[in-house]
Amino acid sequence: MRNAAKVADLQGRSESALLSSYHKEDCLRWAKKYGIEIRLKELEEFGRWVKRWEKMKFGREELPARAYYAACGTGKEHLLDAAFFRATYIDLLDVNDESVIRKIANDVGLNGDRILELIHGEAAKEAAVAALAKYEQFGCPGVPTWVVEGERFWGKDRVDWVVEKVKKLS
């Protein structure tokens, strides 16, 4: 699948093959620096997922976002978030698939069927919409973006700067 979609394509941008290869290399270098286990999907597999996502009721990554907000207040939302990262970037599972959401929720001690039920409700939708509105309010250019005391830090290469800022405030 030579013309498989890239993340940039899904965000309304375009990216050359050269830039894509650099981003992949940079992500792996960054993960190694911070001791973060990571595996990246092959472009062809990602392309197959994109085709599946085009037919889904929810937008890309809306399902895990709603699951996270459905879990808020349980005390397990951070476990769920970490499990989503692991599923996506280590186990190479599609967290846009309800069966994956159910399994991950169950694995962290939540009721996966209940989380799926809540995903389709208004409260999880409203929480996700509110989070996106906050993201836009702060003028976040992409993920990850941290906002500390009104100052934006965008990108994985800014982690050290965020840590420095937080230490100054402590």
Protein backbone atom coordinates (compact mmCIF):
# COMPACT_ATOMS: atom_id res chain seq x y z
CA MET A 1 0.00 0.00 0.00
CA ARG A 2 2.24 2.72 -1.29
CA ASN A 3 -0.17 5.61 -0.71
CA ALA A 4 -1.08 4.75 2.86
CA ALA A 5 -2.26 7.69 4.96
CA LYS A 6 0.06 9.27 7.50
CA VAL A 7 -0.92 11.03 10.72
CA ALA A 8 -0.16 14.37 9.03
CA ASP A 9 -2.65 13.49 6.29
CA LEU A 10 -5.34 12.90 8.92
CA GLN A 11 -4.68 16.35 10.35
CA GLY A 12 -5.16 18.09 7.01
CA ARG A 13 -1.44 18.55 6.41
CA SER A 14 0.97 16.76 4.18
CA GLU A 15 4.40 15.40 4.88
CA SER A 16 7.14 14.21 2.57
CA ALA A 17 8.49 10.67 2.86
CA LEU A 18 11.79 12.19 4.00
CA LEU A 19 10.14 14.13 6.83
CA SER A 20 8.06 11.09 7.82
CA SER A 21 11.16 8.93 8.08
CA TYR A 22 12.83 11.60 10.24
CA HIS A 23 9.81 11.81 12.57
CA LYS A 24 9.86 8.03 13.02
CA GLU A 25 13.60 8.09 13.78
CA ASP A 26 13.15 11.02 16.17
CA CYS A 27 10.30 9.32 18.06
CA LEU A 28 12.43 6.23 18.60
CA ARG A 29 15.40 8.36 19.74
CA TRP A 30 13.19 10.31 22.15
CA ALA A 31 11.68 7.12 23.60
CA LYS A 32 15.16 5.67 24.13
CA LYS A 33 16.32 8.85 25.90
CA TYR A 34 13.45 8.65 28.39
CA GLY A 35 13.39 4.86 28.71
CA ILE A 36 9.95 4.60 27.13
CA GLU A 37 9.12 1.33 25.43
CA ILE A 38 7.66 2.00 21.99
CA ARG A 39 6.98 0.25 18.72
CA LEU A 40 5.62 1.96 15.65
CA LYS A 41 3.11 0.58 13.17
CA GLU A 42 4.24 -0.08 9.63
CA LEU A 43 2.80 2.38 7.15
CA GLU A 44 0.82 -0.33 5.35
CA GLU A 45 -0.89 -1.46 8.58
CA PHE A 46 -1.64 2.13 9.53
CA GLY A 47 -3.20 2.59 6.08
CA ARG A 48 -5.51 -0.39 6.67
CA TRP A 49 -6.56 1.10 9.99
CA VAL A 50 -7.32 4.45 8.35
CA LYS A 51 -9.66 2.70 5.90
CA ARG A 52 -11.46 1.11 8.87
CA TRP A 53 -11.62 4.45 10.75
CA GLU A 54 -13.32 6.13 7.79
CA LYS A 55 -16.34 3.87 8.37
CA MET A 56 -16.57 4.38 12.14
CA LYS A 57 -19.28 6.30 13.96
CA PHE A 58 -16.68 8.18 16.01
CA GLY A 59 -13.73 10.21 14.77
CA ARG A 60 -10.18 8.88 15.11
CA GLU A 61 -9.23 8.64 18.80
CA GLU A 62 -12.65 9.88 19.91
CA LEU A 63 -13.53 6.44 21.29
CA PRO A 64 -10.54 6.20 23.69
CA ALA A 65 -11.00 9.87 24.64
CA ARG A 66 -14.62 9.24 25.57
CA ALA A 67 -13.58 6.09 27.45
CA TYR A 68 -11.06 8.13 29.45
CA TYR A 69 -13.69 10.71 30.39
CA ALA A 70 -16.19 7.95 31.18
CA ALA A 71 -13.61 6.55 33.61
CA CYS A 72 -12.89 9.90 35.29
CA GLY A 73 -13.74 9.79 38.96
CA THR A 74 -13.16 6.05 39.27
CA GLY A 75 -9.58 6.49 40.43
CA LYS A 76 -8.52 4.29 37.51
CA GLU A 77 -8.52 6.87 34.73
CA HIS A 78 -4.72 7.18 34.83
CA LEU A 79 -4.35 3.39 34.63
CA LEU A 80 -6.67 3.42 31.62
CA ASP A 81 -4.65 6.21 29.97
CA ALA A 82 -1.38 4.31 30.49
CA ALA A 83 -3.00 1.12 29.18
CA PHE A 84 -4.15 2.97 26.05
CA PHE A 85 -0.56 4.11 25.44
CA ARG A 86 0.72 0.56 25.90
CA ALA A 87 -1.95 -0.88 23.63
CA THR A 88 -1.25 1.66 20.90
CA TYR A 89 2.53 2.03 21.00
CA ILE A 90 3.75 -1.32 22.30
CA ASP A 91 1.09 -3.94 21.58
CA LEU A 92 0.11 -2.16 18.32
CA LEU A 93 -3.62 -2.53 18.97
CA ASP A 94 -6.22 -0.17 17.54
CA VAL A 95 -7.78 1.74 20.44
CA ASN A 96 -10.45 2.94 18.02
CA ASP A 97 -11.97 -0.56 18.20
CA GLU A 98 -14.65 -1.17 20.83
CA SER A 99 -13.42 -4.70 21.57
CA VAL A 100 -9.97 -3.27 22.39
CA ILE A 101 -11.52 -0.59 24.62
CA ARG A 102 -13.55 -3.25 26.47
CA LYS A 103 -10.49 -5.46 27.03
CA ILE A 104 -8.28 -2.60 28.21
CA ALA A 105 -10.97 -1.32 30.58
CA ASN A 106 -11.44 -4.79 32.03
CA ASP A 107 -7.65 -5.25 32.34
CA VAL A 108 -7.33 -2.14 34.54
CA GLY A 109 -10.21 -3.18 36.80
CA LEU A 110 -13.05 -1.25 35.20
CA ASN A 111 -16.21 -2.77 33.79
CA GLY A 112 -15.54 -2.71 30.04
CA ASP A 113 -19.20 -3.12 29.10
CA ARG A 114 -20.16 -0.22 31.38
CA ILE A 115 -17.40 1.98 29.93
CA LEU A 116 -18.65 1.23 26.40
CA GLU A 117 -22.17 2.11 27.51
CA LEU A 118 -20.93 5.42 28.95
CA ILE A 119 -18.93 6.20 25.78
CA HIS A 120 -22.21 6.45 23.88
CA GLY A 121 -23.76 8.76 26.50
CA GLU A 122 -23.86 12.53 26.63
CA ALA A 123 -21.59 12.98 29.67
CA ALA A 124 -18.52 11.39 28.03
CA LYS A 125 -19.24 13.27 24.80
CA GLU A 126 -19.58 16.61 26.61
CA ALA A 127 -16.38 16.02 28.61
CA ALA A 128 -14.43 15.24 25.42
CA VAL A 129 -15.88 18.30 23.64
CA ALA A 130 -15.02 20.50 26.65
CA ALA A 131 -11.44 19.18 26.68
CA LEU A 132 -11.06 19.95 22.97
CA ALA A 133 -12.48 23.45 23.54
CA LYS A 134 -9.87 24.01 26.28
CA TYR A 135 -7.17 22.71 23.92
CA GLU A 136 -8.26 25.24 21.29
CA GLN A 137 -8.64 28.01 23.89
CA PHE A 138 -4.97 27.59 24.82
CA GLY A 139 -4.00 27.62 21.13
CA CYS A 140 -2.36 24.21 21.26
CA PRO A 141 -0.61 23.50 17.95
CA GLY A 142 -0.56 19.72 18.34
CA VAL A 143 -0.02 16.80 20.67
CA PRO A 144 1.58 16.72 23.11
CA THR A 145 1.15 20.28 24.33
CA TRP A 146 1.53 21.29 27.96
CA VAL A 147 0.34 24.66 29.24
CA VAL A 148 2.02 25.79 32.45
CA GLU A 149 1.11 29.21 33.81
CA GLY A 150 -0.16 30.19 30.37
CA GLU A 151 3.08 29.21 28.60
CA ARG A 152 2.75 26.55 25.89
CA PHE A 153 5.26 23.73 25.39
CA TRP A 154 4.65 21.69 22.26
CA GLY A 155 6.25 18.44 21.28
CA LYS A 156 8.10 15.56 22.83
CA ASP A 157 11.36 17.51 22.61
CA ARG A 158 9.98 20.05 25.10
CA VAL A 159 9.63 17.66 28.05
CA ASP A 160 12.85 18.98 29.63
CA TRP A 161 11.57 22.55 29.35
CA VAL A 162 8.25 21.64 30.99
CA VAL A 163 10.13 19.97 33.85
CA GLU A 164 12.32 23.07 34.30
CA LYS A 165 9.28 25.37 34.36
CA VAL A 166 7.45 23.21 36.90
CA LYS A 167 10.54 23.02 39.13
CA LYS A 168 10.80 26.82 39.11
CA LEU A 169 7.19 27.05 40.22
CA SER A 170 7.61 24.48 43.01
